[in-house]
All heavy atoms as atom14 arrays in JSON, in Angstrom:
{
  "sequence": "YNDSIKMFEIYVLDNEQEDDFFYGKGNTFEEAMEDFMYKPDGVYY",
  "atom14_mask": [
    [1, 1, 1, 1, 1, 1, 1, 1, 1, 1, 1, 1, 0, 0],
    [1, 1, 1, 1, 1, 1, 1, 1, 0, 0, 0, 0, 0, 0],
    [1, 1, 1, 1, 1, 1, 1, 1, 0, 0, 0, 0, 0, 0],
    [1, 1, 1, 1, 1, 1, 0, 0, 0, 0, 0, 0, 0, 0],
    [1, 1, 1, 1, 1, 1, 1, 1, 0, 0, 0, 0, 0, 0],
    [1, 1, 1, 1, 1, 1, 1, 1, 1, 0, 0, 0, 0, 0],
    [1, 1, 1, 1, 1, 1, 1, 1, 0, 0, 0, 0, 0, 0],
    [1, 1, 1, 1, 1, 1, 1, 1, 1, 1, 1, 0, 0, 0],
    [1, 1, 1, 1, 1, 1, 1, 1, 1, 0, 0, 0, 0, 0],
    [1, 1, 1, 1, 1, 1, 1, 1, 0, 0, 0, 0, 0, 0],
    [1, 1, 1, 1, 1, 1, 1, 1, 1, 1, 1, 1, 0, 0],
    [1, 1, 1, 1, 1, 1, 1, 0, 0, 0, 0, 0, 0, 0],
    [1, 1, 1, 1, 1, 1, 1, 1, 0, 0, 0, 0, 0, 0],
    [1, 1, 1, 1, 1, 1, 1, 1, 0, 0, 0, 0, 0, 0],
    [1, 1, 1, 1, 1, 1, 1, 1, 0, 0, 0, 0, 0, 0],
    [1, 1, 1, 1, 1, 1, 1, 1, 1, 0, 0, 0, 0, 0],
    [1, 1, 1, 1, 1, 1, 1, 1, 1, 0, 0, 0, 0, 0],
    [1, 1, 1, 1, 1, 1, 1, 1, 1, 0, 0, 0, 0, 0],
    [1, 1, 1, 1, 1, 1, 1, 1, 0, 0, 0, 0, 0, 0],
    [1, 1, 1, 1, 1, 1, 1, 1, 0, 0, 0, 0, 0, 0],
    [1, 1, 1, 1, 1, 1, 1, 1, 1, 1, 1, 0, 0, 0],
    [1, 1, 1, 1, 1, 1, 1, 1, 1, 1, 1, 0, 0, 0],
    [1, 1, 1, 1, 1, 1, 1, 1, 1, 1, 1, 1, 0, 0],
    [1, 1, 1, 1, 0, 0, 0, 0, 0, 0, 0, 0, 0, 0],
    [1, 1, 1, 1, 1, 1, 1, 1, 1, 0, 0, 0, 0, 0],
    [1, 1, 1, 1, 0, 0, 0, 0, 0, 0, 0, 0, 0, 0],
    [1, 1, 1, 1, 1, 1, 1, 1, 0, 0, 0, 0, 0, 0],
    [1, 1, 1, 1, 1, 1, 1, 0, 0, 0, 0, 0, 0, 0],
    [1, 1, 1, 1, 1, 1, 1, 1, 1, 1, 1, 0, 0, 0],
    [1, 1, 1, 1, 1, 1, 1, 1, 1, 0, 0, 0, 0, 0],
    [1, 1, 1, 1, 1, 1, 1, 1, 1, 0, 0, 0, 0, 0],
    [1, 1, 1, 1, 1, 0, 0, 0, 0, 0, 0, 0, 0, 0],
    [1, 1, 1, 1, 1, 1, 1, 1, 0, 0, 0, 0, 0, 0],
    [1, 1, 1, 1, 1, 1, 1, 1, 1, 0, 0, 0, 0, 0],
    [1, 1, 1, 1, 1, 1, 1, 1, 0, 0, 0, 0, 0, 0],
    [1, 1, 1, 1, 1, 1, 1, 1, 1, 1, 1, 0, 0, 0],
    [1, 1, 1, 1, 1, 1, 1, 1, 0, 0, 0, 0, 0, 0],
    [1, 1, 1, 1, 1, 1, 1, 1, 1, 1, 1, 1, 0, 0],
    [1, 1, 1, 1, 1, 1, 1, 1, 1, 0, 0, 0, 0, 0],
    [1, 1, 1, 1, 1, 1, 1, 0, 0, 0, 0, 0, 0, 0],
    [1, 1, 1, 1, 1, 1, 1, 1, 0, 0, 0, 0, 0, 0],
    [1, 1, 1, 1, 0, 0, 0, 0, 0, 0, 0, 0, 0, 0],
    [1, 1, 1, 1, 1, 1, 1, 0, 0, 0, 0, 0, 0, 0],
    [1, 1, 1, 1, 1, 1, 1, 1, 1, 1, 1, 1, 0, 0],
    [1, 1, 1, 1, 1, 1, 1, 1, 1, 1, 1, 1, 0, 0]
  ],
  "atom14_positions": [
    [[0.85, -1.18, -0.02], [0.04, -0.01, 0.03], [0.93, 1.22, -0.04], [1.69, 1.45, 0.92], [-0.85, -0.1, 1.22], [-1.8, 1.27, 1.18], [-2.92, 1.15, 0.4], [-1.64, 2.33, 1.98], [-3.85, 2.3, 0.36], [-2.41, 3.39, 1.92], [-3.57, 3.49, 1.12], [-4.41, 4.46, 1.1], [0.0, 0.0, 0.0], [0.0, 0.0, 0.0]],
    [[0.74, 2.02, -0.98], [1.63, 3.3, -1.09], [0.94, 4.39, -0.57], [-0.09, 4.82, -1.11], [1.95, 3.49, -2.55], [2.92, 4.58, -2.8], [3.03, 5.48, -2.01], [3.71, 4.4, -3.91], [0.0, 0.0, 0.0], [0.0, 0.0, 0.0], [0.0, 0.0, 0.0], [0.0, 0.0, 0.0], [0.0, 0.0, 0.0], [0.0, 0.0, 0.0]],
    [[1.36, 4.84, 0.55], [0.63, 5.91, 1.42], [0.68, 7.19, 0.63], [-0.26, 8.01, 0.82], [1.31, 5.94, 2.78], [0.36, 6.21, 3.84], [-0.97, 5.89, 3.62], [0.74, 6.59, 4.96], [0.0, 0.0, 0.0], [0.0, 0.0, 0.0], [0.0, 0.0, 0.0], [0.0, 0.0, 0.0], [0.0, 0.0, 0.0], [0.0, 0.0, 0.0]],
    [[1.74, 7.43, -0.18], [1.82, 8.8, -0.96], [0.83, 8.93, -1.98], [0.3, 10.08, -2.19], [3.35, 8.99, -1.44], [3.54, 7.99, -2.33], [0.0, 0.0, 0.0], [0.0, 0.0, 0.0], [0.0, 0.0, 0.0], [0.0, 0.0, 0.0], [0.0, 0.0, 0.0], [0.0, 0.0, 0.0], [0.0, 0.0, 0.0], [0.0, 0.0, 0.0]],
    [[0.44, 7.81, -2.59], [-0.61, 7.89, -3.74], [-1.91, 7.36, -3.19], [-2.88, 7.3, -3.91], [-0.15, 7.35, -4.95], [0.15, 5.81, -4.79], [1.11, 8.05, -5.57], [0.45, 5.14, -6.17], [0.0, 0.0, 0.0], [0.0, 0.0, 0.0], [0.0, 0.0, 0.0], [0.0, 0.0, 0.0], [0.0, 0.0, 0.0], [0.0, 0.0, 0.0]],
    [[-1.89, 6.76, -2.0], [-3.18, 6.14, -1.38], [-3.72, 5.04, -2.25], [-4.97, 5.07, -2.5], [-4.23, 7.15, -1.12], [-3.81, 8.46, -0.28], [-3.75, 7.99, 1.19], [-3.43, 9.35, 1.98], [-2.3, 9.26, 2.88], [0.0, 0.0, 0.0], [0.0, 0.0, 0.0], [0.0, 0.0, 0.0], [0.0, 0.0, 0.0], [0.0, 0.0, 0.0]],
    [[-2.84, 4.15, -2.64], [-3.28, 2.99, -3.58], [-2.48, 1.81, -3.3], [-1.42, 1.85, -2.75], [-3.08, 3.49, -5.0], [-3.87, 4.65, -5.55], [-3.68, 4.8, -7.37], [-5.5, 4.6, -7.84], [0.0, 0.0, 0.0], [0.0, 0.0, 0.0], [0.0, 0.0, 0.0], [0.0, 0.0, 0.0], [0.0, 0.0, 0.0], [0.0, 0.0, 0.0]],
    [[-3.17, 0.79, -3.59], [-2.56, -0.5, -3.48], [-1.79, -0.75, -4.86], [-2.22, -0.43, -5.93], [-3.52, -1.63, -3.32], [-4.1, -1.8, -2.06], [-5.22, -1.19, -1.74], [-3.47, -2.61, -1.03], [-5.83, -1.28, -0.48], [-3.88, -2.72, 0.25], [-5.09, -1.99, 0.55], [0.0, 0.0, 0.0], [0.0, 0.0, 0.0], [0.0, 0.0, 0.0]],
    [[-0.57, -1.35, -4.73], [0.31, -1.7, -6.0], [0.55, -3.21, -5.83], [0.95, -3.54, -4.72], [1.5, -0.88, -5.9], [1.31, 0.69, -6.03], [2.59, 1.42, -5.91], [3.35, 1.23, -4.91], [2.88, 2.22, -6.9], [0.0, 0.0, 0.0], [0.0, 0.0, 0.0], [0.0, 0.0, 0.0], [0.0, 0.0, 0.0], [0.0, 0.0, 0.0]],
    [[0.48, -3.76, -6.98], [0.79, -5.19, -7.17], [1.75, -5.35, -8.17], [1.52, -4.83, -9.3], [-0.37, -6.14, -7.38], [-1.53, -5.99, -6.28], [0.0, -7.56, -7.55], [-2.78, -6.7, -6.5], [0.0, 0.0, 0.0], [0.0, 0.0, 0.0], [0.0, 0.0, 0.0], [0.0, 0.0, 0.0], [0.0, 0.0, 0.0], [0.0, 0.0, 0.0]],
    [[2.93, -6.0, -8.04], [3.84, -6.09, -9.13], [4.76, -7.39, -9.1], [4.74, -7.96, -8.06], [4.81, -4.81, -9.1], [5.54, -4.58, -7.79], [6.75, -5.12, -7.67], [4.88, -3.85, -6.84], [7.41, -4.86, -6.57], [5.49, -3.72, -5.6], [6.83, -4.03, -5.46], [7.51, -4.01, -4.27], [0.0, 0.0, 0.0], [0.0, 0.0, 0.0]],
    [[5.35, -7.64, -10.14], [6.25, -8.76, -10.25], [7.51, -8.19, -10.9], [7.42, -7.56, -12.02], [5.73, -10.07, -11.09], [6.92, -11.01, -11.24], [4.59, -10.54, -10.3], [0.0, 0.0, 0.0], [0.0, 0.0, 0.0], [0.0, 0.0, 0.0], [0.0, 0.0, 0.0], [0.0, 0.0, 0.0], [0.0, 0.0, 0.0], [0.0, 0.0, 0.0]],
    [[8.73, -8.26, -10.27], [9.97, -7.81, -10.94], [10.36, -8.82, -11.98], [10.23, -9.93, -11.89], [10.99, -7.58, -9.82], [10.69, -6.57, -8.66], [11.78, -6.57, -7.7], [10.57, -5.16, -9.32], [0.0, 0.0, 0.0], [0.0, 0.0, 0.0], [0.0, 0.0, 0.0], [0.0, 0.0, 0.0], [0.0, 0.0, 0.0], [0.0, 0.0, 0.0]],
    [[11.15, -8.2, -12.95], [11.66, -9.08, -13.95], [12.87, -9.98, -13.19], [13.18, -9.64, -12.06], [12.28, -8.34, -15.17], [13.45, -7.39, -14.8], [13.81, -7.32, -13.59], [13.8, -6.41, -15.6], [0.0, 0.0, 0.0], [0.0, 0.0, 0.0], [0.0, 0.0, 0.0], [0.0, 0.0, 0.0], [0.0, 0.0, 0.0], [0.0, 0.0, 0.0]],
    [[13.35, -11.01, -13.83], [14.3, -11.87, -13.19], [15.63, -11.2, -12.75], [16.27, -11.65, -11.89], [14.57, -13.08, -14.18], [13.39, -13.94, -14.23], [12.54, -14.02, -13.27], [13.18, -14.78, -15.16], [0.0, 0.0, 0.0], [0.0, 0.0, 0.0], [0.0, 0.0, 0.0], [0.0, 0.0, 0.0], [0.0, 0.0, 0.0], [0.0, 0.0, 0.0]],
    [[15.94, -10.16, -13.44], [17.16, -9.3, -12.96], [16.81, -8.4, -11.75], [17.7, -7.72, -11.29], [17.73, -8.52, -14.1], [18.41, -9.38, -15.15], [17.47, -10.11, -16.2], [16.52, -9.31, -16.61], [17.69, -11.2, -16.61], [0.0, 0.0, 0.0], [0.0, 0.0, 0.0], [0.0, 0.0, 0.0], [0.0, 0.0, 0.0], [0.0, 0.0, 0.0]],
    [[15.59, -8.41, -11.34], [15.09, -7.51, -10.29], [15.48, -6.04, -10.53], [15.64, -5.35, -9.47], [15.64, -7.98, -9.01], [15.18, -9.39, -8.67], [15.16, -9.74, -7.07], [15.28, -8.71, -6.26], [15.02, -10.98, -6.76], [0.0, 0.0, 0.0], [0.0, 0.0, 0.0], [0.0, 0.0, 0.0], [0.0, 0.0, 0.0], [0.0, 0.0, 0.0]],
    [[15.34, -5.52, -11.79], [15.51, -4.2, -12.05], [14.38, -3.36, -12.21], [14.32, -2.16, -12.07], [16.48, -4.19, -13.29], [17.83, -4.72, -13.1], [18.58, -4.87, -14.47], [18.13, -4.31, -15.52], [19.72, -5.29, -14.35], [0.0, 0.0, 0.0], [0.0, 0.0, 0.0], [0.0, 0.0, 0.0], [0.0, 0.0, 0.0], [0.0, 0.0, 0.0]],
    [[13.28, -4.06, -12.74], [12.11, -3.13, -13.12], [10.86, -4.19, -12.99], [10.99, -5.32, -12.94], [12.25, -2.96, -14.68], [11.31, -1.77, -15.09], [10.76, -1.1, -14.15], [11.26, -1.46, -16.3], [0.0, 0.0, 0.0], [0.0, 0.0, 0.0], [0.0, 0.0, 0.0], [0.0, 0.0, 0.0], [0.0, 0.0, 0.0], [0.0, 0.0, 0.0]],
    [[9.64, -3.33, -12.78], [8.44, -4.16, -12.72], [8.14, -4.65, -14.04], [7.96, -3.91, -15.02], [7.18, -3.16, -12.31], [7.58, -2.51, -10.97], [8.32, -2.99, -10.14], [6.9, -1.42, -10.78], [0.0, 0.0, 0.0], [0.0, 0.0, 0.0], [0.0, 0.0, 0.0], [0.0, 0.0, 0.0], [0.0, 0.0, 0.0], [0.0, 0.0, 0.0]],
    [[7.97, -5.95, -14.18], [7.53, -6.56, -15.53], [6.09, -6.56, -15.55], [5.52, -6.17, -16.65], [8.08, -8.01, -15.46], [8.25, -8.48, -16.89], [9.5, -8.33, -17.56], [7.23, -9.06, -17.66], [9.65, -8.77, -18.79], [7.31, -9.34, -18.88], [8.54, -9.23, -19.53], [0.0, 0.0, 0.0], [0.0, 0.0, 0.0], [0.0, 0.0, 0.0]],
    [[5.33, -6.84, -14.45], [3.98, -6.63, -14.46], [3.59, -5.82, -13.27], [4.11, -5.95, -12.26], [3.23, -8.04, -14.24], [3.49, -8.89, -15.42], [4.35, -9.93, -15.44], [2.67, -8.74, -16.67], [4.46, -10.82, -16.6], [2.83, -9.51, -17.74], [3.8, -10.6, -17.66], [0.0, 0.0, 0.0], [0.0, 0.0, 0.0], [0.0, 0.0, 0.0]],
    [[2.6, -4.9, -13.47], [2.21, -3.87, -12.41], [0.75, -3.52, -12.49], [0.23, -3.47, -13.56], [3.05, -2.55, -12.68], [2.8, -1.5, -11.77], [3.4, -1.35, -10.53], [1.95, -0.41, -12.26], [3.1, -0.4, -9.65], [1.76, 0.65, -11.25], [2.29, 0.66, -9.98], [1.98, 1.64, -9.15], [0.0, 0.0, 0.0], [0.0, 0.0, 0.0]],
    [[0.2, -3.42, -11.35], [-1.23, -2.91, -11.33], [-1.43, -2.05, -9.98], [-0.63, -2.32, -9.06], [0.0, 0.0, 0.0], [0.0, 0.0, 0.0], [0.0, 0.0, 0.0], [0.0, 0.0, 0.0], [0.0, 0.0, 0.0], [0.0, 0.0, 0.0], [0.0, 0.0, 0.0], [0.0, 0.0, 0.0], [0.0, 0.0, 0.0], [0.0, 0.0, 0.0]],
    [[-2.33, -1.18, -10.12], [-2.68, -0.29, -8.96], [-4.13, -0.09, -8.86], [-4.82, -0.08, -9.88], [-1.82, 0.91, -8.91], [-2.19, 1.89, -10.03], [-1.3, 3.13, -9.91], [-1.55, 4.05, -11.09], [-0.84, 5.13, -11.17], [0.0, 0.0, 0.0], [0.0, 0.0, 0.0], [0.0, 0.0, 0.0], [0.0, 0.0, 0.0], [0.0, 0.0, 0.0]],
    [[-4.59, 0.23, -7.72], [-6.08, 0.42, -7.52], [-6.24, 1.0, -6.15], [-5.42, 0.84, -5.27], [0.0, 0.0, 0.0], [0.0, 0.0, 0.0], [0.0, 0.0, 0.0], [0.0, 0.0, 0.0], [0.0, 0.0, 0.0], [0.0, 0.0, 0.0], [0.0, 0.0, 0.0], [0.0, 0.0, 0.0], [0.0, 0.0, 0.0], [0.0, 0.0, 0.0]],
    [[-7.39, 1.55, -5.91], [-7.84, 2.14, -4.68], [-8.07, 0.91, -3.64], [-7.89, 1.26, -2.48], [-9.21, 2.95, -4.76], [-8.99, 4.19, -5.39], [-7.8, 4.88, -5.34], [-9.71, 4.59, -6.46], [0.0, 0.0, 0.0], [0.0, 0.0, 0.0], [0.0, 0.0, 0.0], [0.0, 0.0, 0.0], [0.0, 0.0, 0.0], [0.0, 0.0, 0.0]],
    [[-8.52, -0.19, -4.07], [-8.7, -1.38, -3.14], [-7.85, -2.45, -3.74], [-7.35, -2.41, -4.87], [-10.13, -1.79, -3.22], [-10.5, -2.32, -4.52], [-11.14, -0.69, -2.82], [0.0, 0.0, 0.0], [0.0, 0.0, 0.0], [0.0, 0.0, 0.0], [0.0, 0.0, 0.0], [0.0, 0.0, 0.0], [0.0, 0.0, 0.0], [0.0, 0.0, 0.0]],
    [[-7.59, -3.48, -2.93], [-6.77, -4.66, -3.4], [-7.41, -5.28, -4.67], [-6.69, -5.6, -5.51], [-6.58, -5.55, -2.27], [-5.86, -6.86, -2.6], [-4.52, -6.79, -2.72], [-6.48, -8.04, -2.92], [-3.74, -8.04, -3.13], [-5.81, -9.1, -3.21], [-4.39, -9.11, -3.43], [0.0, 0.0, 0.0], [0.0, 0.0, 0.0], [0.0, 0.0, 0.0]],
    [[-8.79, -5.31, -4.55], [-9.44, -6.0, -5.67], [-9.2, -5.12, -7.0], [-9.09, -5.81, -8.1], [-10.86, -6.1, -5.41], [-11.22, -7.11, -4.31], [-11.0, -6.66, -2.87], [-10.88, -5.42, -2.67], [-11.02, -7.49, -1.97], [0.0, 0.0, 0.0], [0.0, 0.0, 0.0], [0.0, 0.0, 0.0], [0.0, 0.0, 0.0], [0.0, 0.0, 0.0]],
    [[-9.26, -3.88, -6.89], [-8.98, -2.97, -8.08], [-7.61, -3.15, -8.66], [-7.4, -3.35, -9.66], [-9.36, -1.58, -7.75], [-10.66, -1.13, -7.7], [-10.89, 0.31, -7.37], [-9.94, 1.15, -7.54], [-12.15, 0.66, -6.88], [0.0, 0.0, 0.0], [0.0, 0.0, 0.0], [0.0, 0.0, 0.0], [0.0, 0.0, 0.0], [0.0, 0.0, 0.0]],
    [[-6.71, -3.29, -7.6], [-5.3, -3.4, -8.04], [-5.06, -4.76, -8.74], [-4.35, -4.87, -9.78], [-4.33, -3.26, -6.86], [0.0, 0.0, 0.0], [0.0, 0.0, 0.0], [0.0, 0.0, 0.0], [0.0, 0.0, 0.0], [0.0, 0.0, 0.0], [0.0, 0.0, 0.0], [0.0, 0.0, 0.0], [0.0, 0.0, 0.0], [0.0, 0.0, 0.0]],
    [[-5.75, -5.78, -8.25], [-5.65, -7.21, -8.77], [-6.21, -7.1, -10.2], [-5.71, -7.83, -11.11], [-6.35, -8.19, -7.89], [-6.23, -9.56, -8.36], [-4.62, -10.21, -8.45], [-4.3, -10.51, -6.73], [0.0, 0.0, 0.0], [0.0, 0.0, 0.0], [0.0, 0.0, 0.0], [0.0, 0.0, 0.0], [0.0, 0.0, 0.0], [0.0, 0.0, 0.0]],
    [[-7.37, -6.53, -10.46], [-8.1, -6.45, -11.72], [-7.05, -5.8, -12.64], [-6.85, -6.24, -13.79], [-9.32, -5.73, -11.56], [-10.47, -6.45, -10.98], [-10.87, -7.69, -11.79], [-11.14, -7.58, -12.96], [-10.98, -8.68, -11.19], [0.0, 0.0, 0.0], [0.0, 0.0, 0.0], [0.0, 0.0, 0.0], [0.0, 0.0, 0.0], [0.0, 0.0, 0.0]],
    [[-6.45, -4.59, -12.29], [-5.63, -3.9, -13.11], [-4.3, -4.73, -13.45], [-3.87, -4.75, -14.59], [-5.15, -2.58, -12.49], [-4.36, -1.59, -13.27], [-4.69, -1.42, -14.5], [-3.42, -1.22, -12.84], [0.0, 0.0, 0.0], [0.0, 0.0, 0.0], [0.0, 0.0, 0.0], [0.0, 0.0, 0.0], [0.0, 0.0, 0.0], [0.0, 0.0, 0.0]],
    [[-3.83, -5.4, -12.38], [-2.62, -6.18, -12.66], [-2.82, -7.35, -13.6], [-2.01, -7.69, -14.44], [-2.35, -6.79, -11.28], [-1.1, -7.72, -11.19], [0.19, -7.16, -11.39], [-1.25, -9.04, -10.99], [1.31, -8.03, -11.21], [-0.18, -9.86, -10.98], [1.08, -9.37, -11.13], [0.0, 0.0, 0.0], [0.0, 0.0, 0.0], [0.0, 0.0, 0.0]],
    [[-4.09, -7.82, -13.61], [-4.41, -9.0, -14.41], [-4.84, -8.6, -15.81], [-4.44, -9.22, -16.84], [-5.39, -9.91, -13.84], [-4.89, -10.81, -12.77], [-6.09, -12.1, -12.23], [-6.09, -13.21, -13.74], [0.0, 0.0, 0.0], [0.0, 0.0, 0.0], [0.0, 0.0, 0.0], [0.0, 0.0, 0.0], [0.0, 0.0, 0.0], [0.0, 0.0, 0.0]],
    [[-5.75, -7.72, -15.89], [-6.55, -7.54, -17.12], [-6.17, -6.36, -18.06], [-6.79, -6.24, -19.19], [-8.12, -7.61, -16.86], [-8.4, -8.79, -16.27], [-8.95, -8.84, -15.04], [-8.39, -10.03, -17.02], [-9.4, -10.06, -14.41], [-8.76, -11.14, -16.37], [-9.31, -11.21, -15.1], [-9.67, -12.46, -14.61], [0.0, 0.0, 0.0], [0.0, 0.0, 0.0]],
    [[-5.32, -5.48, -17.65], [-4.84, -4.52, -18.62], [-4.1, -5.06, -19.69], [-3.74, -6.28, -19.72], [-4.07, -3.32, -17.95], [-2.73, -3.73, -17.42], [-2.08, -2.57, -16.7], [-0.74, -2.99, -16.17], [-0.11, -1.95, -15.4], [0.0, 0.0, 0.0], [0.0, 0.0, 0.0], [0.0, 0.0, 0.0], [0.0, 0.0, 0.0], [0.0, 0.0, 0.0]],
    [[-3.96, -4.45, -20.89], [-3.41, -4.98, -22.08], [-2.1, -5.67, -21.82], [-1.78, -6.63, -22.66], [-3.34, -3.83, -23.12], [-4.49, -2.94, -22.65], [-4.45, -2.99, -21.13], [0.0, 0.0, 0.0], [0.0, 0.0, 0.0], [0.0, 0.0, 0.0], [0.0, 0.0, 0.0], [0.0, 0.0, 0.0], [0.0, 0.0, 0.0], [0.0, 0.0, 0.0]],
    [[-1.31, -5.22, -20.99], [-0.05, -5.84, -20.77], [0.03, -6.48, -19.49], [1.03, -6.71, -18.74], [1.28, -4.83, -20.81], [1.17, -3.64, -19.86], [0.05, -3.53, -19.32], [2.08, -2.99, -19.72], [0.0, 0.0, 0.0], [0.0, 0.0, 0.0], [0.0, 0.0, 0.0], [0.0, 0.0, 0.0], [0.0, 0.0, 0.0], [0.0, 0.0, 0.0]],
    [[-1.18, -7.01, -18.91], [-1.26, -7.62, -17.68], [-0.98, -9.16, -17.79], [-0.8, -9.71, -18.83], [0.0, 0.0, 0.0], [0.0, 0.0, 0.0], [0.0, 0.0, 0.0], [0.0, 0.0, 0.0], [0.0, 0.0, 0.0], [0.0, 0.0, 0.0], [0.0, 0.0, 0.0], [0.0, 0.0, 0.0], [0.0, 0.0, 0.0], [0.0, 0.0, 0.0]],
    [[-1.0, -9.77, -16.65], [-0.69, -11.19, -16.43], [-1.64, -12.09, -17.22], [-1.2, -13.13, -17.73], [-0.64, -11.64, -15.0], [-0.35, -13.17, -14.89], [0.43, -10.85, -14.21], [0.0, 0.0, 0.0], [0.0, 0.0, 0.0], [0.0, 0.0, 0.0], [0.0, 0.0, 0.0], [0.0, 0.0, 0.0], [0.0, 0.0, 0.0], [0.0, 0.0, 0.0]],
    [[-2.91, -11.68, -17.36], [-3.78, -12.57, -18.05], [-3.38, -12.7, -19.58], [-3.56, -13.64, -20.17], [-5.26, -11.9, -18.01], [-6.26, -12.67, -18.63], [-6.84, -13.87, -17.9], [-6.79, -12.68, -19.9], [-7.72, -14.62, -18.46], [-7.85, -13.3, -20.39], [-8.36, -14.36, -19.69], [-9.27, -15.23, -20.18], [0.0, 0.0, 0.0], [0.0, 0.0, 0.0]],
    [[-2.65, -11.77, -20.04], [-2.17, -11.78, -21.5], [-0.7, -12.19, -21.48], [0.03, -11.85, -22.43], [-2.39, -10.48, -22.12], [-3.93, -10.09, -22.19], [-4.26, -9.11, -21.2], [-4.73, -10.7, -22.85], [-5.59, -8.83, -21.24], [-6.2, -10.39, -22.88], [-6.6, -9.35, -21.93], [-7.88, -9.09, -21.92], [0.0, 0.0, 0.0], [0.0, 0.0, 0.0]]
  ]
}
């Protein structure tokens, strides 16, 4: 939970741990999970 933007963030780093490979955010955990999964570059795809 990022207090500065008041949002939940869900992410998976790439294998080199340099950057977020998949990322989602939302006002609730459920919204963040939906963003993480279903946006065009999300885990669902």
